[in-house]
Amino acid sequence: MSSKDKQDPVYRVVFQQQGEVCEVYARYLYQSDLYGFVELEELIFGDRSPLVVDPGEEKLRATFAGVKRTFIPMHNVYRIDEVESVGTPKVTDSLEPDVKSNISHFPRSFRPPRDEE
């Protein structure tokens, strides 16, 4: 396989930002020199189509307009995947209604009933 056949990897990064879950695609991903951060360069957005407008993608495009490099705290990152092709960047609420119903908290403490005599 020649070097021309090998493409640069594309990374899908899913992270939380201000109560929303964001999924973005980037060409370069590094562990940052800033301790505790992941560094993303060359964010990839799909081609703009006048017929179909995705509000989530437009929000991300506006948020990262003019950004050369972004630093995301490691504790906000849910997942990083190396993918073969670029998908659609998106923003979703972190607590969707169907997910809320499946969440149950583990009891923090259990005190047995006291015997009163």
C-alpha atoms as a PDB file:
ATOM      1  CA  MET A   1       0.000   0.000   0.000  1.00  0.00           C
ATOM      2  CA  SER A   2       1.500   3.332  -1.001  1.00  0.00           C
ATOM      3  CA  SER A   3       1.368   6.465   1.104  1.00  0.00           C
ATOM      4  CA  LYS A   4      -1.127   7.940  -1.384  1.00  0.00           C
ATOM      5  CA  ASP A   5      -3.609   5.156  -0.627  1.00  0.00           C
ATOM      6  CA  LYS A   6      -3.463   5.754   3.111  1.00  0.00           C
ATOM      7  CA  GLN A   7      -5.736   8.580   4.218  1.00  0.00           C
ATOM      8  CA  ASP A   8      -5.314  10.654   7.349  1.00  0.00           C
ATOM      9  CA  PRO A   9      -7.553   9.321  10.116  1.00  0.00           C
ATOM     10  CA  VAL A  10     -10.743  11.109  11.084  1.00  0.00           C
ATOM     11  CA  TYR A  11     -11.806  11.183  14.731  1.00  0.00           C
ATOM     12  CA  ARG A  12     -15.345  11.375  16.106  1.00  0.00           C
ATOM     13  CA  VAL A  13     -15.345  12.991  19.538  1.00  0.00           C
ATOM     14  CA  VAL A  14     -18.432  12.941  21.769  1.00  0.00           C
ATOM     15  CA  PHE A  15     -18.303  15.316  24.722  1.00  0.00           C
ATOM     16  CA  GLN A  16     -20.525  17.264  27.087  1.00  0.00           C
ATOM     17  CA  GLN A  17     -20.709  21.032  26.934  1.00  0.00           C
ATOM     18  CA  GLN A  18     -23.070  23.191  29.015  1.00  0.00           C
ATOM     19  CA  GLY A  19     -25.715  20.489  29.489  1.00  0.00           C
ATOM     20  CA  GLU A  20     -25.605  19.269  25.889  1.00  0.00           C
ATOM     21  CA  VAL A  21     -23.865  16.337  24.250  1.00  0.00           C
ATOM     22  CA  CYS A  22     -21.856  17.368  21.181  1.00  0.00           C
ATOM     23  CA  GLU A  23     -20.508  15.068  18.481  1.00  0.00           C
ATOM     24  CA  VAL A  24     -17.803  16.581  16.266  1.00  0.00           C
ATOM     25  CA  TYR A  25     -15.323  15.287  13.708  1.00  0.00           C
ATOM     26  CA  ALA A  26     -11.670  16.344  13.582  1.00  0.00           C
ATOM     27  CA  ARG A  27      -8.590  15.522  11.519  1.00  0.00           C
ATOM     28  CA  TYR A  28      -6.106  15.787  14.392  1.00  0.00           C
ATOM     29  CA  LEU A  29      -6.440  14.785  18.031  1.00  0.00           C
ATOM     30  CA  TYR A  30      -3.754  15.225  20.695  1.00  0.00           C
ATOM     31  CA  GLN A  31      -3.295  15.000  24.404  1.00  0.00           C
ATOM     32  CA  SER A  32      -2.777  18.663  25.115  1.00  0.00           C
ATOM     33  CA  ASP A  33       0.186  20.303  26.822  1.00  0.00           C
ATOM     34  CA  LEU A  34      -2.464  21.888  29.035  1.00  0.00           C
ATOM     35  CA  TYR A  35      -2.856  19.233  31.697  1.00  0.00           C
ATOM     36  CA  GLY A  36      -6.234  17.482  31.606  1.00  0.00           C
ATOM     37  CA  PHE A  37      -7.307  18.610  28.132  1.00  0.00           C
ATOM     38  CA  VAL A  38      -7.778  16.941  24.749  1.00  0.00           C
ATOM     39  CA  GLU A  39      -6.784  19.089  21.783  1.00  0.00           C
ATOM     40  CA  LEU A  40      -8.726  18.991  18.494  1.00  0.00           C
ATOM     41  CA  GLU A  41      -7.557  20.582  15.244  1.00  0.00           C
ATOM     42  CA  GLU A  42      -9.238  20.986  11.865  1.00  0.00           C
ATOM     43  CA  LEU A  43     -12.842  20.354  12.799  1.00  0.00           C
ATOM     44  CA  ILE A  44     -14.790  18.916   9.868  1.00  0.00           C
ATOM     45  CA  PHE A  45     -18.310  19.974   8.972  1.00  0.00           C
ATOM     46  CA  GLY A  46     -20.378  18.695   6.054  1.00  0.00           C
ATOM     47  CA  ASP A  47     -21.034  20.702   2.929  1.00  0.00           C
ATOM     48  CA  ARG A  48     -23.783  23.255   3.264  1.00  0.00           C
ATOM     49  CA  SER A  49     -26.918  22.389   1.390  1.00  0.00           C
ATOM     50  CA  PRO A  50     -29.585  25.033   0.757  1.00  0.00           C
ATOM     51  CA  LEU A  51     -32.291  22.360   0.847  1.00  0.00           C
ATOM     52  CA  VAL A  52     -31.580  20.603   4.135  1.00  0.00           C
ATOM     53  CA  VAL A  53     -30.712  22.585   7.251  1.00  0.00           C
ATOM     54  CA  ASP A  54     -29.712  20.729  10.406  1.00  0.00           C
ATOM     55  CA  PRO A  55     -30.031  23.082  13.408  1.00  0.00           C
ATOM     56  CA  GLY A  56     -27.588  21.010  15.489  1.00  0.00           C
ATOM     57  CA  GLU A  57     -24.897  21.168  12.832  1.00  0.00           C
ATOM     58  CA  GLU A  58     -25.510  24.880  12.256  1.00  0.00           C
ATOM     59  CA  LYS A  59     -25.175  25.520  16.000  1.00  0.00           C
ATOM     60  CA  LEU A  60     -21.828  23.691  16.103  1.00  0.00           C
ATOM     61  CA  ARG A  61     -20.658  25.458  12.939  1.00  0.00           C
ATOM     62  CA  ALA A  62     -21.469  28.833  14.534  1.00  0.00           C
ATOM     63  CA  THR A  63     -19.885  27.856  17.855  1.00  0.00           C
ATOM     64  CA  PHE A  64     -16.611  26.774  16.254  1.00  0.00           C
ATOM     65  CA  ALA A  65     -16.499  29.386  13.469  1.00  0.00           C
ATOM     66  CA  GLY A  66     -12.977  30.743  13.186  1.00  0.00           C
ATOM     67  CA  VAL A  67     -11.579  28.273  15.735  1.00  0.00           C
ATOM     68  CA  LYS A  68      -8.170  26.939  14.743  1.00  0.00           C
ATOM     69  CA  ARG A  69      -7.766  24.596  17.719  1.00  0.00           C
ATOM     70  CA  THR A  70     -10.070  23.713  20.611  1.00  0.00           C
ATOM     71  CA  PHE A  71      -9.272  22.279  24.037  1.00  0.00           C
ATOM     72  CA  ILE A  72     -11.837  20.021  25.711  1.00  0.00           C
ATOM     73  CA  PRO A  73     -11.498  18.941  29.348  1.00  0.00           C
ATOM     74  CA  MET A  74     -10.849  15.188  29.561  1.00  0.00           C
ATOM     75  CA  HIS A  75     -13.590  14.676  32.132  1.00  0.00           C
ATOM     76  CA  ASN A  76     -16.146  16.033  29.612  1.00  0.00           C
ATOM     77  CA  VAL A  77     -15.198  13.522  26.903  1.00  0.00           C
ATOM     78  CA  TYR A  78     -17.522  10.518  26.627  1.00  0.00           C
ATOM     79  CA  ARG A  79     -15.967   8.772  23.666  1.00  0.00           C
ATOM     80  CA  ILE A  80     -13.330   9.093  20.938  1.00  0.00           C
ATOM     81  CA  ASP A  81     -13.523   6.916  17.816  1.00  0.00           C
ATOM     82  CA  GLU A  82     -11.326   6.714  14.751  1.00  0.00           C
ATOM     83  CA  VAL A  83     -13.778   6.478  11.856  1.00  0.00           C
ATOM     84  CA  GLU A  84     -13.453   5.815   8.141  1.00  0.00           C
ATOM     85  CA  SER A  85     -15.756   8.596   6.966  1.00  0.00           C
ATOM     86  CA  VAL A  86     -17.106  11.870   8.253  1.00  0.00           C
ATOM     87  CA  GLY A  87     -20.651  11.856   9.604  1.00  0.00           C
ATOM     88  CA  THR A  88     -22.951  14.693  10.558  1.00  0.00           C
ATOM     89  CA  PRO A  89     -21.916  16.689  13.621  1.00  0.00           C
ATOM     90  CA  LYS A  90     -24.781  17.026  16.080  1.00  0.00           C
ATOM     91  CA  VAL A  91     -25.898  18.457  19.400  1.00  0.00           C
ATOM     92  CA  THR A  92     -28.410  16.728  21.672  1.00  0.00           C
ATOM     93  CA  ASP A  93     -29.701  17.319  25.175  1.00  0.00           C
ATOM     94  CA  SER A  94     -27.735  15.327  27.713  1.00  0.00           C
ATOM     95  CA  LEU A  95     -30.853  14.144  29.547  1.00  0.00           C
ATOM     96  CA  GLU A  96     -33.325  12.961  26.948  1.00  0.00           C
ATOM     97  CA  PRO A  97     -36.780  11.946  28.206  1.00  0.00           C
ATOM     98  CA  ASP A  98     -36.378   8.250  27.349  1.00  0.00           C
ATOM     99  CA  VAL A  99     -32.984   8.126  29.071  1.00  0.00           C
ATOM    100  CA  LYS A 100     -34.295   9.777  32.249  1.00  0.00           C
ATOM    101  CA  SER A 101     -36.753   6.958  32.822  1.00  0.00           C
ATOM    102  CA  ASN A 102     -33.990   4.334  32.721  1.00  0.00           C
ATOM    103  CA  ILE A 103     -31.820   6.030  35.333  1.00  0.00           C
ATOM    104  CA  SER A 104     -32.110   4.938  38.930  1.00  0.00           C
ATOM    105  CA  HIS A 105     -29.750   5.967  41.665  1.00  0.00           C
ATOM    106  CA  PHE A 106     -28.109   3.399  43.857  1.00  0.00           C
ATOM    107  CA  PRO A 107     -29.093   3.943  47.498  1.00  0.00           C
ATOM    108  CA  ARG A 108     -26.397   5.815  49.360  1.00  0.00           C
ATOM    109  CA  SER A 109     -26.987   4.366  52.766  1.00  0.00           C
ATOM    110  CA  PHE A 110     -29.230   1.842  54.358  1.00  0.00           C
ATOM    111  CA  ARG A 111     -30.125   1.990  58.007  1.00  0.00           C
ATOM    112  CA  PRO A 112     -31.911  -0.963  59.480  1.00  0.00           C
ATOM    113  CA  PRO A 113     -35.005  -0.121  61.524  1.00  0.00           C
ATOM    114  CA  ARG A 114     -34.356   0.465  65.198  1.00  0.00           C
ATOM    115  CA  ASP A 115     -36.031  -1.810  67.684  1.00  0.00           C
ATOM    116  CA  GLU A 116     -37.820   0.324  70.178  1.00  0.00           C
ATOM    117  CA  GLU A 117     -38.583  -1.332  73.469  1.00  0.00           C
END
